Amino acid sequence: MRNYTDNIHKSHLLLNMEVIVIFQWIIFTVLCQTIDVFGVVANIINVICFIKLGFKDPVNVSLL
């Protein structure tokens, strides 16, 4: 098996490696953290709604 990316010169890259690292940092820190916080808030709202519905219905108990 041959690696064809060894023959690519760094001058032919579309983006600089520093730019790629910055984009990765932005995606992994900013975007992922925003999605995580949104998920936590949504789960807290769901738990509050199920608690307000009560525990008489077995479906509510199983979803908590």
Protein backbone atom coordinates (compact mmCIF):
# COMPACT_ATOMS: atom_id res chain seq x y z
CA MET A 1 0.00 0.00 0.00
CA ARG A 2 1.39 3.36 -0.95
CA ASN A 3 0.82 6.71 0.68
CA TYR A 4 0.21 9.25 -2.06
CA THR A 5 0.10 12.25 0.28
CA ASP A 6 3.88 12.10 0.79
CA ASN A 7 4.40 13.59 -2.67
CA ILE A 8 2.29 16.70 -1.99
CA HIS A 9 4.40 19.76 -1.36
CA LYS A 10 3.41 22.08 1.43
CA SER A 11 3.19 24.94 -1.05
CA HIS A 12 0.31 23.16 -2.80
CA LEU A 13 -1.87 23.00 0.30
CA LEU A 14 -5.07 25.03 0.10
CA LEU A 15 -4.86 26.15 3.73
CA ASN A 16 -1.89 26.75 5.96
CA MET A 17 -1.48 24.31 8.85
CA GLU A 18 -1.83 27.18 11.33
CA VAL A 19 -5.21 28.07 9.83
CA ILE A 20 -6.31 24.44 10.06
CA VAL A 21 -5.31 24.31 13.72
CA ILE A 22 -7.25 27.52 14.42
CA PHE A 23 -10.36 26.13 12.70
CA GLN A 24 -10.08 22.90 14.68
CA TRP A 25 -9.75 24.87 17.91
CA ILE A 26 -12.81 26.97 17.08
CA ILE A 27 -14.90 23.92 16.17
CA PHE A 28 -13.89 21.78 19.14
CA THR A 29 -13.99 24.45 21.82
CA VAL A 30 -16.62 26.95 20.81
CA LEU A 31 -19.09 25.00 18.69
CA CYS A 32 -19.00 21.74 20.65
CA GLN A 33 -19.28 23.51 24.00
CA THR A 34 -22.27 25.49 22.74
CA ILE A 35 -24.01 22.30 21.64
CA ASP A 36 -23.19 20.64 24.99
CA VAL A 37 -24.61 23.53 27.02
CA PHE A 38 -27.77 23.57 24.88
CA GLY A 39 -28.19 19.82 25.49
CA VAL A 40 -27.80 20.17 29.25
CA VAL A 41 -30.35 23.00 29.38
CA ALA A 42 -32.80 21.00 27.24
CA ASN A 43 -32.43 17.96 29.51
CA ILE A 44 -33.04 20.07 32.62
CA ILE A 45 -36.22 21.46 31.03
CA ASN A 46 -37.36 17.91 30.19
CA VAL A 47 -36.78 16.71 33.75
CA ILE A 48 -38.73 19.67 35.14
CA CYS A 49 -41.63 18.94 32.77
CA PHE A 50 -41.74 15.25 33.74
CA ILE A 51 -41.64 16.11 37.45
CA LYS A 52 -44.55 18.54 37.00
CA LEU A 53 -46.54 15.83 35.20
CA GLY A 54 -46.19 13.62 38.25
CA PHE A 55 -45.18 10.05 38.90
CA LYS A 56 -48.61 8.44 38.53
CA ASP A 57 -47.99 7.49 34.92
CA PRO A 58 -45.38 4.71 34.59
CA VAL A 59 -44.12 6.26 31.35
CA ASN A 60 -43.02 9.38 33.20
CA VAL A 61 -41.15 7.29 35.76
CA SER A 62 -39.41 5.26 33.06
CA LEU A 63 -38.37 8.36 31.11
CA LEU A 64 -36.74 9.88 34.17
